[in-house]
C-alpha cells in the first residue's frame, strides 16, 4: 500500500466533495511548502497547518 499523501487520482472525489459544499485538503509543494492547501467550495484557498489545538491559518492564496 502506497503513501496516502503521494496518491494521485482523477480528482472526481474532490470535485464531489466541493459540489456537496465540503472543503477539501491537499498537498501541493509548488504552492504551499509550509502547510497544506484548504480549498473551499466557493474556490477560496488557504494554506493551513494542523496543530495539536486544531487547524491554523498560515496564509490566504
Foldseek 3Di string as FASTA:
>chain_A
DDDPQVDDDPCPVVVVCLVVFHWDWHDDCVVPVPAIWIATSVGWIFGWHADPVGIDTPGTD
